[in-house]
Full PDB file with SEQRES, HELIX, SHEET, SSBOND, CRYST1, ORIGX, SCALE, CONECT and MASTER records, all heavy atoms in Angstrom:
SEQRES   1 A   31  HIS GLN ALA ASN ALA ARG ILE SER ALA GLY VAL ALA ASP          
SEQRES   2 A   31  ALA LEU GLY ILE PRO ALA GLU ARG VAL PRO SER ASN ILE          
SEQRES   3 A   31  ALA GLU VAL GLY ASN                                          
HELIX    1 AA1 ALA A    5  LEU A   15  1                                  11    
HELIX    2 AA2 ALA A   19  ARG A   21  5                                   3    
HELIX    3 AA3 ILE A   26  VAL A   29  1                                   4    
CRYST1    1.000    1.000    1.000  90.00  90.00  90.00 P 1           1          
ORIGX1      1.000000  0.000000  0.000000        0.00000                         
ORIGX2      0.000000  1.000000  0.000000        0.00000                         
ORIGX3      0.000000  0.000000  1.000000        0.00000                         
SCALE1      1.000000  0.000000  0.000000        0.00000                         
SCALE2      0.000000  1.000000  0.000000        0.00000                         
SCALE3      0.000000  0.000000  1.000000        0.00000                         
ATOM      1  N   HIS A   1       7.134   0.768  -1.868  1.00  0.00           N  
ATOM      2  CA  HIS A   1       7.962   0.388  -0.724  1.00  0.00           C  
ATOM      3  C   HIS A   1       7.010   0.159   0.454  1.00  0.00           C  
ATOM      4  O   HIS A   1       6.221   1.027   0.787  1.00  0.00           O  
ATOM      5  CB  HIS A   1       8.901   1.571  -0.457  1.00  0.00           C  
ATOM      6  CG  HIS A   1       9.643   1.536   0.823  1.00  0.00           C  
ATOM      7  ND1 HIS A   1      11.007   1.567   0.846  1.00  0.00           N  
ATOM      8  CD2 HIS A   1       9.254   1.511   2.110  1.00  0.00           C  
ATOM      9  CE1 HIS A   1      11.417   1.569   2.102  1.00  0.00           C  
ATOM     10  NE2 HIS A   1      10.366   1.532   2.879  1.00  0.00           N  
ATOM     11  N   GLN A   2       7.064  -1.012   1.065  1.00  0.00           N  
ATOM     12  CA  GLN A   2       6.111  -1.381   2.107  1.00  0.00           C  
ATOM     13  C   GLN A   2       6.725  -1.320   3.498  1.00  0.00           C  
ATOM     14  O   GLN A   2       6.995  -2.343   4.102  1.00  0.00           O  
ATOM     15  CB  GLN A   2       5.582  -2.798   1.864  1.00  0.00           C  
ATOM     16  CG  GLN A   2       4.735  -2.936   0.648  1.00  0.00           C  
ATOM     17  CD  GLN A   2       4.100  -4.293   0.569  1.00  0.00           C  
ATOM     18  OE1 GLN A   2       2.891  -4.406   0.492  1.00  0.00           O  
ATOM     19  NE2 GLN A   2       4.896  -5.344   0.586  1.00  0.00           N  
ATOM     20  N   ALA A   3       6.950  -0.118   3.998  1.00  0.00           N  
ATOM     21  CA  ALA A   3       7.378  -0.006   5.386  1.00  0.00           C  
ATOM     22  C   ALA A   3       6.186  -0.285   6.302  1.00  0.00           C  
ATOM     23  O   ALA A   3       6.335  -0.868   7.363  1.00  0.00           O  
ATOM     24  CB  ALA A   3       7.944   1.373   5.666  1.00  0.00           C  
ATOM     25  N   ASN A   4       5.001   0.170   5.871  1.00  0.00           N  
ATOM     26  CA  ASN A   4       3.755  -0.166   6.560  1.00  0.00           C  
ATOM     27  C   ASN A   4       2.589   0.070   5.606  1.00  0.00           C  
ATOM     28  O   ASN A   4       2.734   0.759   4.591  1.00  0.00           O  
ATOM     29  CB  ASN A   4       3.599   0.592   7.887  1.00  0.00           C  
ATOM     30  CG  ASN A   4       3.476   2.082   7.705  1.00  0.00           C  
ATOM     31  OD1 ASN A   4       2.590   2.553   7.000  1.00  0.00           O  
ATOM     32  ND2 ASN A   4       4.369   2.833   8.332  1.00  0.00           N  
ATOM     33  N   ALA A   5       1.467  -0.507   5.910  1.00  0.00           N  
ATOM     34  CA  ALA A   5       0.313  -0.441   5.014  1.00  0.00           C  
ATOM     35  C   ALA A   5      -0.227   0.977   4.863  1.00  0.00           C  
ATOM     36  O   ALA A   5      -0.768   1.322   3.809  1.00  0.00           O  
ATOM     37  CB  ALA A   5      -0.785  -1.384   5.512  1.00  0.00           C  
ATOM     38  N   ARG A   6      -0.085   1.806   5.895  1.00  0.00           N  
ATOM     39  CA  ARG A   6      -0.581   3.185   5.808  1.00  0.00           C  
ATOM     40  C   ARG A   6       0.149   3.971   4.732  1.00  0.00           C  
ATOM     41  O   ARG A   6      -0.443   4.819   4.068  1.00  0.00           O  
ATOM     42  CB  ARG A   6      -0.431   3.894   7.154  1.00  0.00           C  
ATOM     43  CG  ARG A   6      -1.376   3.448   8.213  1.00  0.00           C  
ATOM     44  CD  ARG A   6      -1.257   4.353   9.443  1.00  0.00           C  
ATOM     45  NE  ARG A   6       0.095   4.837   9.622  1.00  0.00           N  
ATOM     46  CZ  ARG A   6       0.892   4.528  10.638  1.00  0.00           C  
ATOM     47  NH1 ARG A   6       0.460   3.746  11.595  1.00  0.00           N  
ATOM     48  NH2 ARG A   6       2.103   5.013  10.719  1.00  0.00           N  
ATOM     49  N   ILE A   7       1.435   3.722   4.563  1.00  0.00           N  
ATOM     50  CA  ILE A   7       2.198   4.447   3.542  1.00  0.00           C  
ATOM     51  C   ILE A   7       1.690   4.080   2.159  1.00  0.00           C  
ATOM     52  O   ILE A   7       1.419   4.962   1.330  1.00  0.00           O  
ATOM     53  CB  ILE A   7       3.706   4.170   3.675  1.00  0.00           C  
ATOM     54  CG1 ILE A   7       4.235   4.808   4.961  1.00  0.00           C  
ATOM     55  CG2 ILE A   7       4.467   4.692   2.458  1.00  0.00           C  
ATOM     56  CD1 ILE A   7       5.661   4.444   5.292  1.00  0.00           C  
ATOM     57  N   SER A   8       1.527   2.808   1.886  1.00  0.00           N  
ATOM     58  CA  SER A   8       1.019   2.367   0.579  1.00  0.00           C  
ATOM     59  C   SER A   8      -0.346   2.985   0.309  1.00  0.00           C  
ATOM     60  O   SER A   8      -0.598   3.507  -0.784  1.00  0.00           O  
ATOM     61  CB  SER A   8       0.914   0.847   0.521  1.00  0.00           C  
ATOM     62  OG  SER A   8       2.164   0.251   0.690  1.00  0.00           O  
ATOM     63  N   ALA A   9      -1.224   2.918   1.285  1.00  0.00           N  
ATOM     64  CA  ALA A   9      -2.571   3.464   1.121  1.00  0.00           C  
ATOM     65  C   ALA A   9      -2.531   4.977   0.939  1.00  0.00           C  
ATOM     66  O   ALA A   9      -3.269   5.522   0.103  1.00  0.00           O  
ATOM     67  CB  ALA A   9      -3.432   3.102   2.330  1.00  0.00           C  
ATOM     68  N   GLY A  10      -1.670   5.654   1.668  1.00  0.00           N  
ATOM     69  CA  GLY A  10      -1.562   7.107   1.561  1.00  0.00           C  
ATOM     70  C   GLY A  10      -1.053   7.555   0.204  1.00  0.00           C  
ATOM     71  O   GLY A  10      -1.569   8.516  -0.374  1.00  0.00           O  
ATOM     72  N   VAL A  11      -0.045   6.872  -0.306  1.00  0.00           N  
ATOM     73  CA  VAL A  11       0.488   7.207  -1.629  1.00  0.00           C  
ATOM     74  C   VAL A  11      -0.578   6.958  -2.694  1.00  0.00           C  
ATOM     75  O   VAL A  11      -0.825   7.798  -3.558  1.00  0.00           O  
ATOM     76  CB  VAL A  11       1.782   6.422  -1.931  1.00  0.00           C  
ATOM     77  CG1 VAL A  11       2.216   6.609  -3.376  1.00  0.00           C  
ATOM     78  CG2 VAL A  11       2.897   6.846  -0.990  1.00  0.00           C  
ATOM     79  N   ALA A  12      -1.235   5.805  -2.629  1.00  0.00           N  
ATOM     80  CA  ALA A  12      -2.282   5.482  -3.598  1.00  0.00           C  
ATOM     81  C   ALA A  12      -3.405   6.517  -3.547  1.00  0.00           C  
ATOM     82  O   ALA A  12      -3.866   6.997  -4.590  1.00  0.00           O  
ATOM     83  CB  ALA A  12      -2.832   4.082  -3.344  1.00  0.00           C  
ATOM     84  N   ASP A  13      -3.827   6.874  -2.350  1.00  0.00           N  
ATOM     85  CA  ASP A  13      -4.893   7.853  -2.185  1.00  0.00           C  
ATOM     86  C   ASP A  13      -4.481   9.208  -2.764  1.00  0.00           C  
ATOM     87  O   ASP A  13      -5.250   9.844  -3.486  1.00  0.00           O  
ATOM     88  CB  ASP A  13      -5.267   7.972  -0.707  1.00  0.00           C  
ATOM     89  CG  ASP A  13      -6.475   8.848  -0.491  1.00  0.00           C  
ATOM     90  OD1 ASP A  13      -7.524   8.578  -1.118  1.00  0.00           O  
ATOM     91  OD2 ASP A  13      -6.374   9.820   0.293  1.00  0.00           O  
ATOM     92  N   ALA A  14      -3.270   9.641  -2.457  1.00  0.00           N  
ATOM     93  CA  ALA A  14      -2.790  10.932  -2.954  1.00  0.00           C  
ATOM     94  C   ALA A  14      -2.703  10.958  -4.481  1.00  0.00           C  
ATOM     95  O   ALA A  14      -2.870  12.009  -5.098  1.00  0.00           O  
ATOM     96  CB  ALA A  14      -1.430  11.258  -2.352  1.00  0.00           C  
ATOM     97  N   LEU A  15      -2.454   9.804  -5.088  1.00  0.00           N  
ATOM     98  CA  LEU A  15      -2.357   9.713  -6.545  1.00  0.00           C  
ATOM     99  C   LEU A  15      -3.702   9.395  -7.205  1.00  0.00           C  
ATOM    100  O   LEU A  15      -3.808   9.390  -8.427  1.00  0.00           O  
ATOM    101  CB  LEU A  15      -1.337   8.644  -6.939  1.00  0.00           C  
ATOM    102  CG  LEU A  15       0.108   8.920  -6.527  1.00  0.00           C  
ATOM    103  CD1 LEU A  15       0.985   7.717  -6.829  1.00  0.00           C  
ATOM    104  CD2 LEU A  15       0.644  10.181  -7.214  1.00  0.00           C  
ATOM    105  N   GLY A  16      -4.709   9.082  -6.387  1.00  0.00           N  
ATOM    106  CA  GLY A  16      -6.020   8.743  -6.929  1.00  0.00           C  
ATOM    107  C   GLY A  16      -6.071   7.357  -7.545  1.00  0.00           C  
ATOM    108  O   GLY A  16      -6.874   7.102  -8.440  1.00  0.00           O  
ATOM    109  N   ILE A  17      -5.214   6.461  -7.064  1.00  0.00           N  
ATOM    110  CA  ILE A  17      -5.173   5.096  -7.586  1.00  0.00           C  
ATOM    111  C   ILE A  17      -5.984   4.205  -6.650  1.00  0.00           C  
ATOM    112  O   ILE A  17      -5.710   4.152  -5.449  1.00  0.00           O  
ATOM    113  CB  ILE A  17      -3.711   4.605  -7.717  1.00  0.00           C  
ATOM    114  CG1 ILE A  17      -2.984   5.490  -8.736  1.00  0.00           C  
ATOM    115  CG2 ILE A  17      -3.666   3.133  -8.121  1.00  0.00           C  
ATOM    116  CD1 ILE A  17      -1.519   5.219  -8.872  1.00  0.00           C  
ATOM    117  N   PRO A  18      -6.981   3.487  -7.180  1.00  0.00           N  
ATOM    118  CA  PRO A  18      -7.832   2.648  -6.330  1.00  0.00           C  
ATOM    119  C   PRO A  18      -7.043   1.547  -5.626  1.00  0.00           C  
ATOM    120  O   PRO A  18      -6.073   1.014  -6.170  1.00  0.00           O  
ATOM    121  CB  PRO A  18      -8.835   2.037  -7.310  1.00  0.00           C  
ATOM    122  CG  PRO A  18      -8.727   2.823  -8.571  1.00  0.00           C  
ATOM    123  CD  PRO A  18      -7.364   3.445  -8.587  1.00  0.00           C  
ATOM    124  N   ALA A  19      -7.478   1.197  -4.439  1.00  0.00           N  
ATOM    125  CA  ALA A  19      -6.797   0.189  -3.609  1.00  0.00           C  
ATOM    126  C   ALA A  19      -6.627  -1.145  -4.327  1.00  0.00           C  
ATOM    127  O   ALA A  19      -5.618  -1.828  -4.124  1.00  0.00           O  
ATOM    128  CB  ALA A  19      -7.558  -0.012  -2.298  1.00  0.00           C  
ATOM    129  N   GLU A  20      -7.569  -1.522  -5.182  1.00  0.00           N  
ATOM    130  CA  GLU A  20      -7.451  -2.818  -5.871  1.00  0.00           C  
ATOM    131  C   GLU A  20      -6.305  -2.843  -6.883  1.00  0.00           C  
ATOM    132  O   GLU A  20      -5.920  -3.895  -7.354  1.00  0.00           O  
ATOM    133  CB  GLU A  20      -8.763  -3.216  -6.547  1.00  0.00           C  
ATOM    134  CG  GLU A  20      -9.248  -2.293  -7.631  1.00  0.00           C  
ATOM    135  CD  GLU A  20     -10.143  -1.158  -7.145  1.00  0.00           C  
ATOM    136  OE1 GLU A  20     -10.294  -0.964  -5.925  1.00  0.00           O  
ATOM    137  OE2 GLU A  20     -10.686  -0.462  -8.005  1.00  0.00           O  
ATOM    138  N   ARG A  21      -5.727  -1.691  -7.178  1.00  0.00           N  
ATOM    139  CA  ARG A  21      -4.570  -1.626  -8.077  1.00  0.00           C  
ATOM    140  C   ARG A  21      -3.239  -1.557  -7.321  1.00  0.00           C  
ATOM    141  O   ARG A  21      -2.197  -1.375  -7.932  1.00  0.00           O  
ATOM    142  CB  ARG A  21      -4.685  -0.412  -8.990  1.00  0.00           C  
ATOM    143  CG  ARG A  21      -5.833  -0.506  -9.962  1.00  0.00           C  
ATOM    144  CD  ARG A  21      -5.807   0.646 -10.904  1.00  0.00           C  
ATOM    145  NE  ARG A  21      -6.960   0.607 -11.782  1.00  0.00           N  
ATOM    146  CZ  ARG A  21      -7.186   1.505 -12.720  1.00  0.00           C  
ATOM    147  NH1 ARG A  21      -6.353   2.499 -12.904  1.00  0.00           N  
ATOM    148  NH2 ARG A  21      -8.250   1.407 -13.481  1.00  0.00           N  
ATOM    149  N   VAL A  22      -3.309  -1.700  -6.005  1.00  0.00           N  
ATOM    150  CA  VAL A  22      -2.111  -1.586  -5.175  1.00  0.00           C  
ATOM    151  C   VAL A  22      -1.898  -2.906  -4.436  1.00  0.00           C  
ATOM    152  O   VAL A  22      -2.395  -3.104  -3.329  1.00  0.00           O  
ATOM    153  CB  VAL A  22      -2.246  -0.418  -4.168  1.00  0.00           C  
ATOM    154  CG1 VAL A  22      -0.941  -0.196  -3.425  1.00  0.00           C  
ATOM    155  CG2 VAL A  22      -2.669   0.858  -4.881  1.00  0.00           C  
ATOM    156  N   PRO A  23      -1.159  -3.841  -5.057  1.00  0.00           N  
ATOM    157  CA  PRO A  23      -0.924  -5.117  -4.378  1.00  0.00           C  
ATOM    158  C   PRO A  23      -0.135  -4.904  -3.085  1.00  0.00           C  
ATOM    159  O   PRO A  23       0.643  -3.960  -2.965  1.00  0.00           O  
ATOM    160  CB  PRO A  23      -0.104  -5.928  -5.378  1.00  0.00           C  
ATOM    161  CG  PRO A  23       0.095  -5.088  -6.579  1.00  0.00           C  
ATOM    162  CD  PRO A  23      -0.501  -3.751  -6.340  1.00  0.00           C  
ATOM    163  N   SER A  24      -0.357  -5.792  -2.158  1.00  0.00           N  
ATOM    164  CA  SER A  24       0.366  -5.743  -0.890  1.00  0.00           C  
ATOM    165  C   SER A  24       0.574  -7.159  -0.383  1.00  0.00           C  
ATOM    166  O   SER A  24      -0.300  -8.007  -0.547  1.00  0.00           O  
ATOM    167  CB  SER A  24      -0.435  -4.938   0.134  1.00  0.00           C  
ATOM    168  OG  SER A  24       0.215  -4.957   1.385  1.00  0.00           O  
ATOM    169  N   ASN A  25       1.717  -7.386   0.206  1.00  0.00           N  
ATOM    170  CA  ASN A  25       1.963  -8.657   0.891  1.00  0.00           C  
ATOM    171  C   ASN A  25       2.551  -8.416   2.276  1.00  0.00           C  
ATOM    172  O   ASN A  25       3.100  -9.315   2.882  1.00  0.00           O  
ATOM    173  CB  ASN A  25       2.845  -9.594   0.048  1.00  0.00           C  
ATOM    174  CG  ASN A  25       4.229  -9.026  -0.227  1.00  0.00           C  
ATOM    175  OD1 ASN A  25       4.578  -7.945   0.245  1.00  0.00           O  
ATOM    176  ND2 ASN A  25       5.012  -9.749  -0.995  1.00  0.00           N  
ATOM    177  N   ILE A  26       2.394  -7.203   2.776  1.00  0.00           N  
ATOM    178  CA  ILE A  26       2.976  -6.844   4.074  1.00  0.00           C  
ATOM    179  C   ILE A  26       2.398  -7.699   5.202  1.00  0.00           C  
ATOM    180  O   ILE A  26       3.100  -8.022   6.159  1.00  0.00           O  
ATOM    181  CB  ILE A  26       2.844  -5.334   4.362  1.00  0.00           C  
ATOM    182  CG1 ILE A  26       3.795  -4.936   5.482  1.00  0.00           C  
ATOM    183  CG2 ILE A  26       1.410  -4.936   4.640  1.00  0.00           C  
ATOM    184  CD1 ILE A  26       4.010  -3.446   5.617  1.00  0.00           C  
ATOM    185  N   ALA A  27       1.133  -8.108   5.084  1.00  0.00           N  
ATOM    186  CA  ALA A  27       0.532  -8.949   6.123  1.00  0.00           C  
ATOM    187  C   ALA A  27       1.209 -10.312   6.200  1.00  0.00           C  
ATOM    188  O   ALA A  27       1.261 -10.929   7.260  1.00  0.00           O  
ATOM    189  CB  ALA A  27      -0.968  -9.116   5.872  1.00  0.00           C  
ATOM    190  N   GLU A  28       1.743 -10.775   5.068  1.00  0.00           N  
ATOM    191  CA  GLU A  28       2.405 -12.078   5.034  1.00  0.00           C  
ATOM    192  C   GLU A  28       3.903 -12.003   5.322  1.00  0.00           C  
ATOM    193  O   GLU A  28       4.458 -12.915   5.921  1.00  0.00           O  
ATOM    194  CB  GLU A  28       2.218 -12.743   3.656  1.00  0.00           C  
ATOM    195  CG  GLU A  28       0.801 -13.156   3.335  1.00  0.00           C  
ATOM    196  CD  GLU A  28      -0.065 -11.997   2.854  1.00  0.00           C  
ATOM    197  OE1 GLU A  28       0.461 -11.032   2.274  1.00  0.00           O  
ATOM    198  OE2 GLU A  28      -1.280 -12.059   3.090  1.00  0.00           O  
ATOM    199  N   VAL A  29       4.559 -10.935   4.871  1.00  0.00           N  
ATOM    200  CA  VAL A  29       6.026 -10.882   4.967  1.00  0.00           C  
ATOM    201  C   VAL A  29       6.565  -9.793   5.883  1.00  0.00           C  
ATOM    202  O   VAL A  29       7.759  -9.751   6.152  1.00  0.00           O  
ATOM    203  CB  VAL A  29       6.678 -10.739   3.563  1.00  0.00           C  
ATOM    204  CG1 VAL A  29       6.317 -11.912   2.684  1.00  0.00           C  
ATOM    205  CG2 VAL A  29       6.301  -9.427   2.908  1.00  0.00           C  
ATOM    206  N   GLY A  30       5.703  -8.887   6.328  1.00  0.00           N  
ATOM    207  CA  GLY A  30       6.162  -7.804   7.192  1.00  0.00           C  
ATOM    208  C   GLY A  30       6.841  -6.702   6.405  1.00  0.00           C  
ATOM    209  O   GLY A  30       6.721  -6.607   5.191  1.00  0.00           O  
ATOM    210  N   ASN A  31       7.569  -5.858   7.112  1.00  0.00           N  
ATOM    211  CA  ASN A  31       8.261  -4.725   6.521  1.00  0.00           C  
ATOM    212  C   ASN A  31       9.493  -5.232   5.787  1.00  0.00           C  
ATOM    213  O   ASN A  31      10.494  -5.563   6.399  1.00  0.00           O  
ATOM    214  CB  ASN A  31       8.649  -3.724   7.610  1.00  0.00           C  
ATOM    215  CG  ASN A  31       9.432  -2.542   7.071  1.00  0.00           C  
ATOM    216  OD1 ASN A  31       9.762  -2.465   5.894  1.00  0.00           O  
ATOM    217  ND2 ASN A  31       9.734  -1.615   7.952  1.00  0.00           N  
TER     218      ASN A  31                                                      
MASTER        0    0    0    3    0    0    0    6  217    1    0    3          
END                                                                             
């Protein structure tokens, strides 16, 4: 769920999943 990029990064970090495995399009489409 992309409310903001920090949430995606925080969840990935907490799970130990590298950033390259976490697609994001928030910069293009917003929240």
